Amino acid sequence: MADKRKRRRPDSDSDSDSDDSPPTTVSSHLSQKSVPFQKRLKPDTTILESLQQLAYSIKNPSPSTSKKPTTLADVSAALSSSCREVTDLSLSSVQSEIETLVISLAKSILGGNGFSFSVPSRASSNHLYIPELDRIVLKDKSSSRPFAAVGSVRKATITARILSLIHQLCLRSIHVTKRDLFYTDVKLFQDQSQSDAVLDDVSCLLGCTRSSLNVVASEKGIVVGRLVFSDNGDMIDCTKMGVGGKAIPPNIDRVGDIKSDALFVLLVEKDAAFMRLAEDRFYNRFPCIIITAKGQPDVATRLFLRKLKLELNLPVLALVDSDPYGLKILSVYGCGSKNMSYDSANLTTPDIKWLGIRPSDLDKYKIPEQCRLPMTEQDIKTGKDLLEEDFVKKNPGWVQELELMVKTKQKAEIQALSSFGFQYLSEVYLPLKLQQRDWL
């Protein structure tokens, strides 16, 4: 009688460094075939113990490592050029600043000198990265915007119009979106990018944060996971928001009563990966808060992330694409953007760790060649430009990864992991990363 016992086929996809650890629970989707690196996973309880130790060490630093956060005032004496920062102002203070500015302009006009705005320059040459602060700040250089000059009359008019609109908001104590602001005078502004740019100029001019002006962007960022907070008095439980998550409120001053039993915050670049993790309830397996801005980070998401970091004091781990733009997005959260460097003190979140997808992961996790993309000439240029940035040079691990990316001329999106199974990201890749504490 023929032997009907099934013969075990050699596993061509499994990694050679298998161990004798107890099997880890994975979804039926992944268990239908051999999954690379699945055998390296330890039980969830072991990974959770490591994460709990990490969270505890951050919340309870030793006296030798704990110190008061460094401010711009602390390092200003040692800087080669003076810098400026804005602060949160109340509506009454913003109103007073506008009225004081208008009175000075009126005096200039009555004196026969016309009027001109002295606007802080936000040109690319007027920024400075300060290693002690680990963020980009705005240097204290201004440019004149006279009404009487042909080249600046239109921009001066837009500036005056924006100031007038902001003054109205202060009087009425209401919020509007940037789109609302644009539609108050479409013929003057012509394009929203122009009114948006002058809005940032006005923030610098008045010395206040953009949120102090009561002008917000439309909702973009979303959050899901082990987080409860109040939004304008309404309690929100982010474990009950479904796959779509809870939209991050554009008015962060409405957010309060933050409570969480999470062990870390997972910052995700794209909504596709966010939805995968939300649907798999990754935050229940490994208690965490998952946030995404669906690409380029908006102000509300950056403010919300910083608020979580400061109030909960949790480690923040970032999951971005393995390309120069993924790292640029990560740097905006951590070090700030040049466009809004005047408000970097309020918009940046310190000590964000780069979890993945990193260039070295492509070979390490055996990402198939057909899932890797060739870098364009613009991609390579962007990568080389990043290597010249001071905030990249400060982190040797980032430099090593970027150099590898530029050398191999390969990039990959987070979704490349789906080649091993749609749930590989949540079932194997992230758990293994957390287990190994593999971040930079």
Protein backbone atom coordinates (compact mmCIF):
# COMPACT_ATOMS: atom_id res chain seq x y z
CA MET A 1 0.00 0.00 0.00
CA ALA A 2 1.40 3.34 -1.02
CA ASP A 3 2.52 5.68 1.70
CA LYS A 4 -0.07 8.47 1.77
CA ARG A 5 1.77 10.63 4.27
CA LYS A 6 2.41 14.14 2.94
CA ARG A 7 5.99 14.99 2.24
CA ARG A 8 7.18 18.39 3.43
CA ARG A 9 8.44 20.51 0.57
CA PRO A 10 11.55 22.58 1.12
CA ASP A 11 10.62 26.15 1.96
CA SER A 12 12.20 28.40 -0.62
CA ASP A 13 10.78 31.61 0.89
CA SER A 14 11.62 31.13 4.54
CA ASP A 15 14.77 32.69 5.96
CA SER A 16 17.59 30.40 6.99
CA ASP A 17 17.88 31.86 10.50
CA SER A 18 14.94 29.98 11.93
CA ASP A 19 14.71 29.39 15.66
CA ASP A 20 12.85 27.21 18.11
CA SER A 21 10.66 29.97 19.52
CA PRO A 22 7.00 29.11 20.20
CA PRO A 23 4.82 29.78 17.17
CA THR A 24 3.27 33.23 16.96
CA THR A 25 -0.39 33.66 16.15
CA VAL A 26 -0.87 35.00 12.62
CA SER A 27 -3.90 35.42 10.42
CA SER A 28 -5.19 32.63 8.23
CA HIS A 29 -4.29 34.74 5.21
CA LEU A 30 -0.60 34.51 6.08
CA SER A 31 -0.64 30.97 7.42
CA GLN A 32 -1.75 29.59 4.06
CA LYS A 33 1.81 29.88 2.80
CA SER A 34 5.29 30.19 4.21
CA VAL A 35 6.03 33.74 5.29
CA PRO A 36 9.58 35.15 5.34
CA PHE A 37 10.88 35.87 8.85
CA GLN A 38 7.71 34.65 10.53
CA LYS A 39 9.73 32.05 12.45
CA ARG A 40 11.85 34.77 14.03
CA LEU A 41 8.87 36.23 15.85
CA LYS A 42 8.71 35.66 19.57
CA PRO A 43 5.42 35.45 21.49
CA ASP A 44 3.52 38.72 21.74
CA THR A 45 3.96 38.71 25.52
CA THR A 46 7.74 38.91 25.10
CA ILE A 47 7.48 41.82 22.66
CA LEU A 48 5.00 43.61 24.94
CA GLU A 49 7.35 43.26 27.92
CA SER A 50 10.10 44.93 25.88
CA LEU A 51 7.76 47.75 24.81
CA GLN A 52 6.61 48.27 28.40
CA GLN A 53 10.23 48.60 29.50
CA LEU A 54 10.84 51.13 26.72
CA ALA A 55 7.77 53.19 27.66
CA TYR A 56 8.73 53.10 31.33
CA SER A 57 12.30 54.26 30.66
CA ILE A 58 11.00 57.25 28.67
CA LYS A 59 8.38 58.21 31.26
CA ASN A 60 10.82 57.72 34.14
CA PRO A 61 14.25 58.84 32.94
CA SER A 62 17.23 58.56 35.24
CA PRO A 63 18.43 61.80 36.88
CA SER A 64 21.55 61.76 34.69
CA THR A 65 19.53 61.72 31.44
CA SER A 66 16.59 63.93 32.43
CA LYS A 67 17.10 67.62 31.81
CA LYS A 68 15.10 70.72 31.07
CA PRO A 69 14.29 71.14 27.35
CA THR A 70 16.64 73.54 25.58
CA THR A 71 15.04 76.70 24.18
CA LEU A 72 16.17 79.20 21.56
CA ALA A 73 16.91 81.70 24.33
CA ASP A 74 19.35 79.21 25.88
CA VAL A 75 21.50 78.99 22.75
CA SER A 76 20.95 82.41 21.15
CA ALA A 77 24.17 83.87 22.61
CA ALA A 78 26.28 81.27 20.81
CA LEU A 79 24.59 81.68 17.41
CA SER A 80 26.28 83.50 14.53
CA SER A 81 23.03 85.34 13.69
CA SER A 82 19.95 86.31 15.64
CA CYS A 83 16.78 84.29 15.14
CA ARG A 84 13.10 84.82 15.80
CA GLU A 85 10.23 82.69 17.06
CA VAL A 86 6.53 83.29 17.44
CA THR A 87 4.32 82.51 20.43
CA ASP A 88 0.69 81.66 21.08
CA LEU A 89 -1.32 84.84 21.58
CA SER A 90 -4.88 85.34 22.75
CA LEU A 91 -7.41 86.88 20.36
CA SER A 92 -7.34 90.15 22.29
CA SER A 93 -3.54 90.26 22.00
CA VAL A 94 -3.67 89.57 18.24
CA GLN A 95 -6.30 92.30 17.86
CA SER A 96 -4.11 94.71 19.82
CA GLU A 97 -1.05 93.89 17.67
CA ILE A 98 -3.01 94.56 14.46
CA GLU A 99 -4.38 97.86 15.76
CA THR A 100 -0.93 99.00 16.88
CA LEU A 101 0.48 98.15 13.44
CA VAL A 102 -2.34 99.99 11.62
CA ILE A 103 -1.88 103.10 13.78
CA SER A 104 1.83 103.19 12.91
CA LEU A 105 0.97 102.84 9.20
CA ALA A 106 -1.61 105.63 9.47
CA LYS A 107 0.99 107.93 11.07
CA SER A 108 3.40 107.15 8.24
CA ILE A 109 0.76 108.02 5.64
CA LEU A 110 -0.20 111.26 7.41
CA GLY A 111 3.48 112.15 7.57
CA GLY A 112 3.64 111.94 3.78
CA ASN A 113 5.78 108.82 3.71
CA GLY A 114 3.17 106.35 2.45
CA PHE A 115 3.22 102.97 4.10
CA SER A 116 5.30 99.84 3.93
CA PHE A 117 5.25 96.50 5.74
CA SER A 118 8.49 95.18 7.20
CA VAL A 119 7.91 91.44 6.78
CA PRO A 120 10.25 88.75 8.17
CA SER A 121 11.89 86.98 5.24
CA ARG A 122 11.00 83.31 4.82
CA ALA A 123 13.42 82.81 1.92
CA SER A 124 15.37 79.54 1.85
CA SER A 125 18.58 81.41 2.74
CA ASN A 126 17.03 82.80 5.93
CA HIS A 127 16.78 79.52 7.85
CA LEU A 128 19.12 77.91 10.35
CA TYR A 129 19.26 74.38 11.76
CA ILE A 130 20.28 74.40 15.42
CA PRO A 131 21.63 70.99 16.56
CA GLU A 132 20.99 71.74 20.25
CA LEU A 133 17.30 72.23 19.46
CA ASP A 134 17.23 69.65 16.63
CA ARG A 135 14.96 71.87 14.57
CA ILE A 136 14.99 74.57 11.93
CA VAL A 137 14.46 78.18 13.00
CA LEU A 138 13.97 81.46 11.14
CA LYS A 139 16.77 84.01 11.11
CA ASP A 140 15.95 87.59 12.03
CA LYS A 141 16.05 89.17 8.59
CA SER A 142 13.20 91.25 7.15
CA SER A 143 12.23 92.56 3.74
CA SER A 144 10.31 95.73 2.90
CA ARG A 145 6.92 95.55 1.22
CA PRO A 146 6.04 99.13 0.20
CA PHE A 147 2.63 100.01 -1.22
CA ALA A 148 4.10 102.66 -3.52
CA ALA A 149 6.40 100.25 -5.41
CA VAL A 150 5.07 98.59 -8.55
CA GLY A 151 6.74 95.29 -7.73
CA SER A 152 5.17 94.98 -4.28
CA VAL A 153 1.92 96.97 -4.42
CA ARG A 154 -0.24 93.91 -4.96
CA LYS A 155 1.38 91.91 -2.19
CA ALA A 156 1.14 94.89 0.16
CA THR A 157 -2.57 95.13 -0.67
CA ILE A 158 -3.07 91.41 0.05
CA THR A 159 -1.22 91.82 3.35
CA ALA A 160 -3.48 94.71 4.37
CA ARG A 161 -6.56 92.72 3.36
CA ILE A 162 -5.50 89.64 5.37
CA LEU A 163 -4.84 91.83 8.42
CA SER A 164 -8.33 93.30 8.06
CA LEU A 165 -9.92 89.85 7.86
CA ILE A 166 -7.98 88.58 10.87
CA HIS A 167 -9.12 91.63 12.84
CA GLN A 168 -12.73 90.72 12.03
CA LEU A 169 -12.17 87.18 13.31
CA CYS A 170 -10.76 88.58 16.56
CA LEU A 171 -13.82 90.80 17.05
CA ARG A 172 -16.24 87.92 16.41
CA SER A 173 -14.20 85.18 18.15
CA ILE A 174 -14.78 82.68 15.34
CA HIS A 175 -12.65 80.28 13.27
CA VAL A 176 -12.55 80.07 9.48
CA THR A 177 -10.68 77.81 7.06
CA LYS A 178 -7.96 79.00 4.73
CA ARG A 179 -10.39 78.31 1.90
CA ASP A 180 -12.98 80.63 3.48
CA LEU A 181 -10.34 83.33 3.71
CA PHE A 182 -9.47 82.94 0.03
CA TYR A 183 -13.09 83.26 -1.09
CA THR A 184 -13.55 86.60 0.66
CA ASP A 185 -11.70 88.28 -2.21
CA VAL A 186 -10.99 85.87 -5.06
CA LYS A 187 -10.17 88.61 -7.58
CA LEU A 188 -7.49 90.06 -5.33
CA PHE A 189 -5.95 86.78 -4.16
CA GLN A 190 -6.34 85.03 -7.57
CA ASP A 191 -4.97 81.76 -6.17
CA GLN A 192 -5.23 80.28 -2.68
CA SER A 193 -1.50 79.66 -2.51
CA GLN A 194 -1.03 83.45 -2.53
CA SER A 195 -3.41 84.11 0.36
CA ASP A 196 -1.92 81.15 2.25
CA ALA A 197 1.62 82.52 1.85
CA VAL A 198 0.64 85.99 3.05
CA LEU A 199 -1.19 84.41 5.99
CA ASP A 200 2.16 82.94 7.11
CA ASP A 201 3.78 86.34 6.56
CA VAL A 202 1.15 87.94 8.80
CA SER A 203 1.89 85.36 11.54
CA CYS A 204 5.57 86.36 11.42
CA LEU A 205 4.67 90.04 11.26
CA LEU A 206 2.48 89.87 14.38
CA GLY A 207 4.80 87.44 16.19
CA CYS A 208 2.10 84.84 16.80
CA THR A 209 1.42 81.25 15.75
CA ARG A 210 -0.88 80.69 12.81
CA SER A 211 -3.44 78.99 15.04
CA SER A 212 -3.59 82.23 17.07
CA LEU A 213 -5.12 83.88 13.99
CA ASN A 214 -8.14 81.52 14.15
CA VAL A 215 -7.54 80.42 10.56
CA VAL A 216 -7.34 76.65 10.16
CA ALA A 217 -6.93 74.15 7.32
CA SER A 218 -9.62 71.61 6.45
CA GLU A 219 -9.45 68.31 8.32
CA LYS A 220 -6.81 66.01 6.86
CA GLY A 221 -5.07 63.91 9.51
CA ILE A 222 -6.73 60.93 11.22
CA VAL A 223 -6.07 58.97 14.40
CA VAL A 224 -7.11 55.56 15.69
CA GLY A 225 -6.10 53.35 18.60
CA ARG A 226 -5.72 53.45 22.36
CA LEU A 227 -6.64 57.06 22.91
CA VAL A 228 -9.50 58.92 24.55
CA PHE A 229 -9.79 62.71 24.39
CA SER A 230 -12.38 65.45 24.47
CA ASP A 231 -13.13 67.45 21.35
CA ASN A 232 -14.90 70.69 22.29
CA GLY A 233 -16.45 68.87 25.27
CA ASP A 234 -17.41 65.65 23.44
CA MET A 235 -15.52 62.54 24.58
CA ILE A 236 -13.94 60.58 21.72
CA ASP A 237 -12.84 56.94 22.05
CA CYS A 238 -10.43 56.23 19.19
CA THR A 239 -10.78 52.45 19.58
CA LYS A 240 -14.35 52.77 18.31
CA MET A 241 -13.73 54.82 15.18
CA GLY A 242 -13.69 51.92 12.69
CA VAL A 243 -11.24 51.61 9.81
CA GLY A 244 -11.50 55.28 8.87
CA GLY A 245 -10.35 56.58 12.24
CA LYS A 246 -11.19 59.92 13.85
CA ALA A 247 -10.41 63.11 11.97
CA ILE A 248 -7.87 65.21 13.86
CA PRO A 249 -9.62 68.46 14.85
CA PRO A 250 -8.29 71.50 12.98
CA ASN A 251 -8.62 73.54 16.20
CA ILE A 252 -6.18 71.80 18.53
CA ASP A 253 -7.13 74.13 21.36
CA ARG A 254 -10.43 72.19 21.49
CA VAL A 255 -8.58 68.97 22.39
CA GLY A 256 -8.26 68.08 26.07
CA ASP A 257 -8.64 65.37 28.73
CA ILE A 258 -6.17 63.11 26.89
CA LYS A 259 -5.99 59.59 28.31
CA SER A 260 -4.22 56.51 26.93
CA ASP A 261 -2.78 53.13 27.90
CA ALA A 262 -0.70 53.00 24.71
CA LEU A 263 2.97 52.02 24.80
CA PHE A 264 3.96 54.05 21.73
CA VAL A 265 2.69 56.29 18.92
CA LEU A 266 2.95 54.91 15.38
CA LEU A 267 3.23 57.70 12.81
CA VAL A 268 2.27 56.43 9.34
CA GLU A 269 2.94 58.29 6.09
CA LYS A 270 0.02 57.01 4.00
CA ASP A 271 -3.64 56.28 4.62
CA ALA A 272 -3.43 52.90 2.82
CA ALA A 273 -1.07 51.54 5.50
CA PHE A 274 -3.15 53.29 8.17
CA MET A 275 -6.32 51.50 7.00
CA ARG A 276 -4.52 48.15 6.96
CA LEU A 277 -3.38 48.58 10.54
CA ALA A 278 -6.76 49.91 11.66
CA GLU A 279 -8.68 47.05 10.07
CA ASP A 280 -6.31 44.50 11.63
CA ARG A 281 -6.76 46.21 15.03
CA PHE A 282 -2.99 46.36 15.36
CA TYR A 283 -3.43 48.77 18.27
CA ASN A 284 -5.10 46.03 20.34
CA ARG A 285 -2.36 43.49 19.75
CA PHE A 286 0.34 46.06 20.57
CA PRO A 287 -1.27 48.97 22.48
CA CYS A 288 -0.53 52.08 20.45
CA ILE A 289 -1.94 55.22 18.86
CA ILE A 290 -1.79 55.30 15.05
CA ILE A 291 -1.69 58.65 13.24
CA THR A 292 -1.45 59.67 9.60
CA ALA A 293 -1.64 62.96 7.71
CA LYS A 294 -2.13 61.10 4.41
CA GLY A 295 1.13 62.32 2.95
CA GLN A 296 2.59 65.77 3.59
CA PRO A 297 1.88 66.68 7.23
CA ASP A 298 -0.59 69.50 7.86
CA VAL A 299 -0.37 71.92 10.77
CA ALA A 300 -3.19 70.28 12.79
CA THR A 301 -1.58 66.81 12.63
CA ARG A 302 1.81 68.21 13.62
CA LEU A 303 0.27 70.09 16.55
CA PHE A 304 -1.74 67.03 17.60
CA LEU A 305 1.32 64.74 17.51
CA ARG A 306 3.33 67.20 19.58
CA LYS A 307 0.50 67.49 22.09
CA LEU A 308 0.36 63.69 22.48
CA LYS A 309 4.14 63.50 22.89
CA LEU A 310 4.23 66.19 25.57
CA GLU A 311 1.20 65.01 27.54
CA LEU A 312 1.66 61.22 27.30
CA ASN A 313 5.47 61.14 27.00
CA LEU A 314 5.45 58.12 24.69
CA PRO A 315 8.02 57.02 22.10
CA VAL A 316 7.05 58.01 18.53
CA LEU A 317 7.93 55.54 15.76
CA ALA A 318 7.59 56.52 12.09
CA LEU A 319 6.60 54.27 9.18
CA VAL A 320 7.28 55.95 5.82
CA ASP A 321 8.10 54.95 2.25
CA SER A 322 11.70 54.05 1.44
CA ASP A 323 12.33 57.07 -0.75
CA PRO A 324 13.72 60.60 -0.24
CA TYR A 325 10.23 62.06 0.16
CA GLY A 326 9.38 59.66 2.98
CA LEU A 327 12.42 60.89 4.88
CA LYS A 328 11.52 64.52 4.11
CA ILE A 329 8.06 63.95 5.57
CA LEU A 330 9.63 62.42 8.68
CA SER A 331 11.98 65.40 9.00
CA VAL A 332 9.06 67.86 8.83
CA TYR A 333 7.48 66.19 11.86
CA GLY A 334 10.78 66.07 13.75
CA CYS A 335 12.79 69.14 12.69
CA GLY A 336 10.18 71.35 11.04
CA SER A 337 9.73 72.77 7.56
CA LYS A 338 11.50 75.79 6.13
CA ASN A 339 8.15 77.26 5.10
CA MET A 340 6.99 77.42 8.74
CA SER A 341 10.34 77.58 10.54
CA TYR A 342 9.10 80.65 12.42
CA ASP A 343 6.79 78.33 14.41
CA SER A 344 9.03 75.27 14.69
CA ALA A 345 8.98 75.40 18.50
CA ASN A 346 5.25 74.57 18.47
CA LEU A 347 5.10 72.31 15.41
CA THR A 348 7.97 69.87 15.90
CA THR A 349 7.96 66.62 17.87
CA PRO A 350 11.36 65.72 19.34
CA ASP A 351 13.07 62.34 19.11
CA ILE A 352 10.95 60.60 16.45
CA LYS A 353 12.45 57.22 15.53
CA TRP A 354 12.66 56.00 11.93
CA LEU A 355 11.13 52.52 12.11
CA GLY A 356 10.78 51.74 8.40
CA ILE A 357 10.61 51.20 5.50
CA ARG A 358 14.35 51.81 5.34
CA PRO A 359 16.58 51.21 2.28
CA SER A 360 18.43 48.44 4.12
CA ASP A 361 15.09 46.67 4.69
CA LEU A 362 14.74 45.96 0.95
CA ASP A 363 17.46 43.31 1.07
CA LYS A 364 17.06 42.44 4.74
CA TYR A 365 13.40 41.47 4.26
CA LYS A 366 13.97 40.15 0.73
CA ILE A 367 11.57 42.53 -0.98
CA PRO A 368 11.11 41.08 -4.51
CA GLU A 369 12.74 42.98 -7.36
CA GLN A 370 9.39 43.47 -9.08
CA CYS A 371 8.19 45.42 -6.02
CA ARG A 372 11.12 47.82 -6.05
CA LEU A 373 11.03 50.97 -8.15
CA PRO A 374 13.95 52.65 -9.93
CA MET A 375 14.70 56.12 -8.63
CA THR A 376 14.27 58.97 -11.09
CA GLU A 377 16.94 61.61 -11.62
CA GLN A 378 14.85 63.97 -9.47
CA ASP A 379 14.65 61.32 -6.72
CA ILE A 380 18.43 60.93 -6.73
CA LYS A 381 18.93 64.71 -6.65
CA THR A 382 16.53 65.01 -3.71
CA GLY A 383 18.38 62.22 -1.90
CA LYS A 384 21.75 63.91 -2.45
CA ASP A 385 20.33 67.26 -1.33
CA LEU A 386 19.09 65.62 1.87
CA LEU A 387 22.58 64.28 2.55
CA GLU A 388 23.75 67.92 2.66
CA GLU A 389 21.18 68.92 5.26
CA ASP A 390 22.50 69.42 8.78
CA PHE A 391 19.59 67.59 10.41
CA VAL A 392 20.49 64.48 8.37
CA LYS A 393 24.23 64.75 9.02
CA LYS A 394 23.52 64.77 12.75
CA ASN A 395 22.22 61.19 12.58
CA PRO A 396 24.83 58.75 11.19
CA GLY A 397 22.15 56.07 10.73
CA TRP A 398 20.14 58.34 8.46
CA VAL A 399 23.26 59.17 6.43
CA GLN A 400 24.08 55.48 5.99
CA GLU A 401 20.54 54.65 4.83
CA LEU A 402 20.37 57.60 2.42
CA GLU A 403 23.75 56.77 0.94
CA LEU A 404 22.56 53.20 0.36
CA MET A 405 19.40 54.48 -1.33
CA VAL A 406 21.33 56.79 -3.66
CA LYS A 407 23.89 54.07 -4.42
CA THR A 408 21.36 51.34 -5.28
CA LYS A 409 18.99 53.82 -6.98
CA GLN A 410 16.06 51.82 -5.67
CA LYS A 411 13.00 52.88 -3.71
CA ALA A 412 9.94 51.10 -2.38
CA GLU A 413 6.59 51.96 -0.89
CA ILE A 414 5.18 50.50 2.30
CA GLN A 415 2.77 48.49 0.13
CA ALA A 416 5.72 46.51 -1.27
CA LEU A 417 5.38 44.32 1.83
CA SER A 418 2.02 43.14 0.49
CA SER A 419 3.92 40.89 -1.90
CA PHE A 420 4.21 38.47 1.07
CA GLY A 421 0.55 38.85 1.98
CA PHE A 422 -1.83 41.74 2.54
CA GLN A 423 -1.41 41.49 6.32
CA TYR A 424 2.35 40.98 6.35
CA LEU A 425 2.83 44.58 7.54
CA SER A 426 0.76 44.10 10.69
CA GLU A 427 1.41 40.41 11.30
CA VAL A 428 5.16 40.08 10.72
CA TYR A 429 7.08 43.20 9.66
CA LEU A 430 6.03 45.61 12.42
CA PRO A 431 6.02 43.00 15.23
CA LEU A 432 9.54 41.93 14.22
CA LYS A 433 10.70 45.55 14.10
CA LEU A 434 9.29 46.14 17.57
CA GLN A 435 10.78 42.91 18.88
CA GLN A 436 14.25 43.85 17.64
CA ARG A 437 13.85 47.54 18.52
CA ASP A 438 15.04 48.14 14.98
CA TRP A 439 14.72 51.90 14.59
CA LEU A 440 17.01 54.88 14.10
